[in-house]
Amino acid sequence: MPVDVSDLCCINSECPDAGKRGTGNIRFVRWTGKRKDIRFARCRTCRKPFSERKGTPLFKAILPRSEIVSIVEHLMEGDGQRKTGRLTHHRQDTVARYQKLTGLHAKAFHDEKAQHLDVPELQLDEKWSFVKKNKPT
């Protein structure tokens, strides 16, 4: 049974098909990782191989994906590093490492997407109404 890789795209910035999903240029090569649960693929256009985790906070991660997701979900809910560590049964430095990795990844993603925005006008009427309405008397 063929492995679906239609959600992957070439990550080689010099490839003409870089960043294009579902074009049929990605071919599954093998399963990799300790648990053999990470797809390893190759771009048919530029012939470069890559892990599906390359370019993500999960690249070279030792923890299973589900545990990393749990850590990040706790951090997103506003839990601190210590509390997240207690709830997910991981050391605080492990939580801090994934917080830094995901934060840097999110910043890079935001910067890449936001640089092409052309915002001629920004309205903050609702914000001002909220601030004005909740002003202490």
Foldseek 3Di string as FASTA:
>chain_A
DADDPQVDWDCPPPFPGGPPGRPPQKGWDAQDDPVSPWTWIAGNRVRDIDTSCPLALCVPPNDDPVLLVQLVVCVVVVDDLVVSCVVSVHDSVVSVSSVVRHVVSVVVVCCVVVVPDDDPDDDDVVVVCVCVVPPDD
